[in-house]
Amino acid sequence: MFGMVRPCRHRLGESLTAQWMAHLCGLCLALRGDHGQLARIVTNYDGLLVSVLTEAQTGLATGASSGVGRRTAGPCPLRGMRTASVAHGEGARLAAAV
């Protein structure tokens, strides 16, 4: 990962770290879906912040439903071949466009 913004994992706690990773995986999947497999190499924390802020502003983290939010993704080598809940929707797609 590259970029200026870095998560402080020892201060985030387990819940916020899981949310951060959900946005990271969602950004990677949105990049693949919108721009192709090769675009995944530009996944970075700076673009990820757009997804986090978009979700915070729309209230999706608090449970408001507008057809977006989280979904379960399949196994990924970067997650140790585990499935995960990932962010998807307009926030992840906006971050992928950035």
N, C-alpha and C. Protein backbone atom coordinates (compact mmCIF):
# COMPACT_ATOMS: atom_id res chain seq x y z
N MET A 1 0.83 -1.18 0.00
CA MET A 1 0.00 0.00 0.00
C MET A 1 0.86 1.24 0.00
N PHE A 2 0.41 2.24 -0.64
CA PHE A 2 1.11 3.50 -0.65
C PHE A 2 0.10 4.61 -0.41
N GLY A 3 0.58 5.78 -0.16
CA GLY A 3 -0.30 6.92 0.08
C GLY A 3 0.11 7.65 1.34
N MET A 4 -0.53 8.76 1.57
CA MET A 4 -0.20 9.60 2.72
C MET A 4 -0.96 9.19 3.98
N VAL A 5 -2.18 8.72 3.83
CA VAL A 5 -3.04 8.36 4.96
C VAL A 5 -2.75 6.92 5.36
N ARG A 6 -2.49 6.68 6.62
CA ARG A 6 -2.24 5.33 7.13
C ARG A 6 -3.12 5.09 8.36
N PRO A 7 -3.69 3.90 8.47
CA PRO A 7 -4.47 3.61 9.68
C PRO A 7 -3.55 3.35 10.88
N CYS A 8 -3.98 3.76 12.02
CA CYS A 8 -3.24 3.51 13.25
C CYS A 8 -3.92 2.32 13.93
N ARG A 9 -3.55 1.11 13.53
CA ARG A 9 -4.27 -0.09 13.93
C ARG A 9 -4.28 -0.34 15.43
N HIS A 10 -3.24 0.05 16.14
CA HIS A 10 -3.24 -0.19 17.59
C HIS A 10 -4.18 0.77 18.31
N ARG A 11 -4.64 1.84 17.66
CA ARG A 11 -5.57 2.77 18.27
C ARG A 11 -7.00 2.61 17.75
N LEU A 12 -7.17 1.96 16.60
CA LEU A 12 -8.50 1.82 16.02
C LEU A 12 -9.40 0.87 16.79
N GLY A 13 -8.86 -0.19 17.27
CA GLY A 13 -9.68 -1.22 17.91
C GLY A 13 -10.15 -2.22 16.87
N GLU A 14 -10.72 -3.30 17.35
CA GLU A 14 -11.11 -4.40 16.47
C GLU A 14 -12.24 -4.03 15.52
N SER A 15 -13.26 -3.33 16.00
CA SER A 15 -14.41 -2.98 15.18
C SER A 15 -14.04 -2.02 14.06
N LEU A 16 -13.31 -0.96 14.38
CA LEU A 16 -12.94 0.01 13.36
C LEU A 16 -11.92 -0.56 12.38
N THR A 17 -11.05 -1.45 12.84
CA THR A 17 -10.11 -2.10 11.93
C THR A 17 -10.86 -2.97 10.92
N ALA A 18 -11.90 -3.66 11.38
CA ALA A 18 -12.71 -4.49 10.48
C ALA A 18 -13.42 -3.62 9.45
N GLN A 19 -13.93 -2.46 9.88
CA GLN A 19 -14.58 -1.55 8.94
C GLN A 19 -13.58 -0.99 7.92
N TRP A 20 -12.38 -0.65 8.39
CA TRP A 20 -11.34 -0.14 7.50
C TRP A 20 -10.99 -1.18 6.44
N MET A 21 -10.83 -2.43 6.87
CA MET A 21 -10.50 -3.50 5.93
C MET A 21 -11.66 -3.77 4.96
N ALA A 22 -12.90 -3.60 5.42
CA ALA A 22 -14.05 -3.77 4.53
C ALA A 22 -14.02 -2.74 3.41
N HIS A 23 -13.62 -1.53 3.74
CA HIS A 23 -13.50 -0.49 2.71
C HIS A 23 -12.32 -0.77 1.78
N LEU A 24 -11.23 -1.26 2.34
CA LEU A 24 -10.06 -1.57 1.52
C LEU A 24 -10.39 -2.66 0.51
N CYS A 25 -11.02 -3.72 0.96
CA CYS A 25 -11.40 -4.81 0.06
C CYS A 25 -12.46 -4.34 -0.94
N GLY A 26 -13.39 -3.51 -0.49
CA GLY A 26 -14.41 -2.97 -1.39
C GLY A 26 -13.82 -2.12 -2.49
N LEU A 27 -12.81 -1.31 -2.15
CA LEU A 27 -12.13 -0.50 -3.15
C LEU A 27 -11.42 -1.38 -4.17
N CYS A 28 -10.74 -2.39 -3.71
CA CYS A 28 -10.02 -3.30 -4.61
C CYS A 28 -11.00 -3.99 -5.56
N LEU A 29 -12.13 -4.45 -5.05
CA LEU A 29 -13.12 -5.13 -5.89
C LEU A 29 -13.80 -4.15 -6.85
N ALA A 30 -14.02 -2.92 -6.41
CA ALA A 30 -14.62 -1.91 -7.29
C ALA A 30 -13.66 -1.56 -8.42
N LEU A 31 -12.37 -1.48 -8.10
CA LEU A 31 -11.37 -1.23 -9.15
C LEU A 31 -11.40 -2.33 -10.19
N ARG A 32 -11.47 -3.58 -9.72
CA ARG A 32 -11.51 -4.71 -10.65
C ARG A 32 -12.77 -4.66 -11.51
N GLY A 33 -13.88 -4.39 -10.88
CA GLY A 33 -15.15 -4.38 -11.60
C GLY A 33 -15.28 -3.24 -12.60
N ASP A 34 -14.80 -2.06 -12.24
CA ASP A 34 -14.98 -0.89 -13.10
C ASP A 34 -13.85 -0.69 -14.10
N HIS A 35 -12.64 -1.10 -13.75
CA HIS A 35 -11.48 -0.76 -14.58
C HIS A 35 -10.62 -1.95 -14.98
N GLY A 36 -10.96 -3.15 -14.56
CA GLY A 36 -10.21 -4.33 -14.95
C GLY A 36 -9.26 -4.82 -13.86
N GLN A 37 -8.79 -6.03 -14.05
CA GLN A 37 -7.93 -6.70 -13.05
C GLN A 37 -6.64 -5.93 -12.78
N LEU A 38 -6.03 -5.39 -13.79
CA LEU A 38 -4.76 -4.68 -13.63
C LEU A 38 -4.89 -3.41 -12.79
N ALA A 39 -6.06 -2.82 -12.77
CA ALA A 39 -6.28 -1.58 -12.01
C ALA A 39 -6.17 -1.80 -10.50
N ARG A 40 -6.25 -3.04 -10.05
CA ARG A 40 -6.18 -3.31 -8.61
C ARG A 40 -4.83 -2.93 -8.01
N ILE A 41 -3.80 -2.80 -8.82
CA ILE A 41 -2.49 -2.46 -8.28
C ILE A 41 -2.42 -1.03 -7.78
N VAL A 42 -3.40 -0.18 -8.12
CA VAL A 42 -3.39 1.19 -7.64
C VAL A 42 -4.21 1.37 -6.36
N THR A 43 -4.64 0.27 -5.75
CA THR A 43 -5.36 0.36 -4.48
C THR A 43 -4.46 1.03 -3.46
N ASN A 44 -4.96 2.11 -2.84
CA ASN A 44 -4.16 2.80 -1.84
C ASN A 44 -5.05 3.39 -0.75
N TYR A 45 -4.42 3.78 0.33
CA TYR A 45 -5.16 4.30 1.47
C TYR A 45 -5.78 5.67 1.19
N ASP A 46 -5.17 6.46 0.32
CA ASP A 46 -5.71 7.78 0.03
C ASP A 46 -7.06 7.67 -0.68
N GLY A 47 -7.16 6.78 -1.65
CA GLY A 47 -8.44 6.55 -2.32
C GLY A 47 -9.45 5.91 -1.40
N LEU A 48 -8.98 5.09 -0.49
CA LEU A 48 -9.84 4.42 0.46
C LEU A 48 -10.57 5.42 1.36
N LEU A 49 -9.91 6.50 1.67
CA LEU A 49 -10.52 7.53 2.52
C LEU A 49 -11.78 8.10 1.89
N VAL A 50 -11.83 8.17 0.57
CA VAL A 50 -13.03 8.65 -0.12
C VAL A 50 -14.21 7.73 0.17
N SER A 51 -13.99 6.43 0.13
CA SER A 51 -15.05 5.47 0.43
C SER A 51 -15.53 5.61 1.88
N VAL A 52 -14.59 5.75 2.80
CA VAL A 52 -14.93 5.88 4.23
C VAL A 52 -15.75 7.15 4.46
N LEU A 53 -15.31 8.25 3.90
CA LEU A 53 -16.01 9.52 4.11
C LEU A 53 -17.37 9.54 3.43
N THR A 54 -17.49 8.93 2.27
CA THR A 54 -18.78 8.86 1.59
C THR A 54 -19.78 8.07 2.42
N GLU A 55 -19.35 6.94 2.96
CA GLU A 55 -20.25 6.15 3.79
C GLU A 55 -20.64 6.90 5.06
N ALA A 56 -19.70 7.62 5.65
CA ALA A 56 -19.99 8.38 6.86
C ALA A 56 -21.00 9.49 6.59
N GLN A 57 -20.90 10.14 5.46
CA GLN A 57 -21.80 11.24 5.14
C GLN A 57 -23.19 10.78 4.76
N THR A 58 -23.30 9.61 4.15
CA THR A 58 -24.62 9.12 3.76
C THR A 58 -25.32 8.38 4.88
N GLY A 59 -24.61 8.11 5.96
CA GLY A 59 -25.24 7.45 7.11
C GLY A 59 -25.36 5.96 6.97
N LEU A 60 -24.65 5.35 6.03
CA LEU A 60 -24.75 3.90 5.85
C LEU A 60 -24.16 3.14 7.01
N ALA A 61 -23.17 3.70 7.68
CA ALA A 61 -22.55 3.02 8.80
C ALA A 61 -23.49 2.93 9.98
N THR A 62 -24.48 3.81 10.05
CA THR A 62 -25.41 3.80 11.17
C THR A 62 -26.64 2.95 10.90
N GLY A 63 -26.70 2.35 9.72
CA GLY A 63 -27.79 1.42 9.45
C GLY A 63 -28.83 1.93 8.47
N ALA A 64 -28.70 3.14 7.94
CA ALA A 64 -29.63 3.61 6.94
C ALA A 64 -29.48 2.75 5.69
N SER A 65 -30.59 2.36 5.10
CA SER A 65 -30.52 1.45 3.97
C SER A 65 -30.91 2.14 2.68
N SER A 66 -30.03 2.11 1.71
CA SER A 66 -30.35 2.63 0.39
C SER A 66 -29.84 1.67 -0.69
N GLY A 67 -29.78 0.39 -0.35
CA GLY A 67 -29.35 -0.61 -1.32
C GLY A 67 -27.86 -0.79 -1.42
N VAL A 68 -27.09 -0.14 -0.58
CA VAL A 68 -25.65 -0.29 -0.58
C VAL A 68 -25.20 -0.57 0.83
N GLY A 69 -23.96 -0.87 1.01
CA GLY A 69 -23.45 -1.15 2.34
C GLY A 69 -22.39 -2.22 2.31
N ARG A 70 -22.71 -3.42 2.78
CA ARG A 70 -21.75 -4.50 2.86
C ARG A 70 -22.25 -5.73 2.09
N ARG A 71 -21.30 -6.50 1.60
CA ARG A 71 -21.60 -7.80 1.00
C ARG A 71 -20.47 -8.74 1.35
N THR A 72 -20.67 -10.02 1.17
CA THR A 72 -19.64 -11.00 1.46
C THR A 72 -18.87 -11.29 0.18
N ALA A 73 -17.56 -11.13 0.27
CA ALA A 73 -16.69 -11.41 -0.87
C ALA A 73 -16.08 -12.80 -0.71
N GLY A 74 -15.69 -13.36 -1.80
CA GLY A 74 -15.07 -14.68 -1.79
C GLY A 74 -13.65 -14.64 -1.25
N PRO A 75 -12.99 -15.78 -1.23
CA PRO A 75 -11.63 -15.86 -0.71
C PRO A 75 -10.65 -15.02 -1.53
N CYS A 76 -9.69 -14.46 -0.83
CA CYS A 76 -8.67 -13.62 -1.48
C CYS A 76 -7.31 -13.97 -0.87
N PRO A 77 -6.27 -14.08 -1.69
CA PRO A 77 -4.94 -14.38 -1.16
C PRO A 77 -4.43 -13.33 -0.17
N LEU A 78 -4.82 -12.08 -0.35
CA LEU A 78 -4.36 -11.03 0.57
C LEU A 78 -5.04 -11.09 1.93
N ARG A 79 -6.15 -11.82 2.01
CA ARG A 79 -6.83 -12.03 3.30
C ARG A 79 -6.59 -13.43 3.82
N GLY A 80 -5.60 -14.12 3.32
CA GLY A 80 -5.32 -15.48 3.75
C GLY A 80 -6.36 -16.47 3.27
N MET A 81 -6.91 -16.22 2.08
CA MET A 81 -7.93 -17.08 1.46
C MET A 81 -9.19 -17.21 2.32
N ARG A 82 -9.51 -16.14 3.03
CA ARG A 82 -10.74 -16.10 3.82
C ARG A 82 -11.75 -15.20 3.13
N THR A 83 -13.04 -15.47 3.37
CA THR A 83 -14.08 -14.57 2.90
C THR A 83 -14.15 -13.39 3.86
N ALA A 84 -14.79 -12.31 3.43
CA ALA A 84 -14.89 -11.14 4.29
C ALA A 84 -16.10 -10.31 3.89
N SER A 85 -16.57 -9.52 4.83
CA SER A 85 -17.60 -8.54 4.56
C SER A 85 -16.90 -7.31 3.98
N VAL A 86 -17.33 -6.88 2.80
CA VAL A 86 -16.67 -5.76 2.13
C VAL A 86 -17.68 -4.67 1.81
N ALA A 87 -17.20 -3.44 1.76
CA ALA A 87 -18.03 -2.30 1.39
C ALA A 87 -18.28 -2.34 -0.11
N HIS A 88 -19.49 -2.01 -0.51
CA HIS A 88 -19.78 -1.89 -1.94
C HIS A 88 -20.83 -0.81 -2.11
N GLY A 89 -20.98 -0.36 -3.31
CA GLY A 89 -21.93 0.70 -3.59
C GLY A 89 -21.24 1.93 -4.11
N GLU A 90 -21.90 3.05 -3.96
CA GLU A 90 -21.41 4.29 -4.55
C GLU A 90 -20.11 4.79 -3.93
N GLY A 91 -19.92 4.60 -2.64
CA GLY A 91 -18.69 5.04 -2.00
C GLY A 91 -17.46 4.33 -2.55
N ALA A 92 -17.57 3.01 -2.69
CA ALA A 92 -16.45 2.23 -3.23
C ALA A 92 -16.23 2.56 -4.70
N ARG A 93 -17.29 2.75 -5.46
CA ARG A 93 -17.15 3.09 -6.87
C ARG A 93 -16.57 4.49 -7.05
N LEU A 94 -16.97 5.43 -6.19
CA LEU A 94 -16.39 6.78 -6.25
C LEU A 94 -14.91 6.74 -5.93
N ALA A 95 -14.54 5.97 -4.92
CA ALA A 95 -13.13 5.83 -4.56
C ALA A 95 -12.34 5.18 -5.71
N ALA A 96 -12.94 4.23 -6.40
CA ALA A 96 -12.27 3.60 -7.53
C ALA A 96 -12.07 4.59 -8.68
N ALA A 97 -13.00 5.50 -8.83
CA ALA A 97 -12.87 6.50 -9.90
C ALA A 97 -11.79 7.52 -9.58
N VAL A 98 -11.57 7.77 -8.29
CA VAL A 98 -10.54 8.72 -7.88
C VAL A 98 -9.19 8.13 -8.17
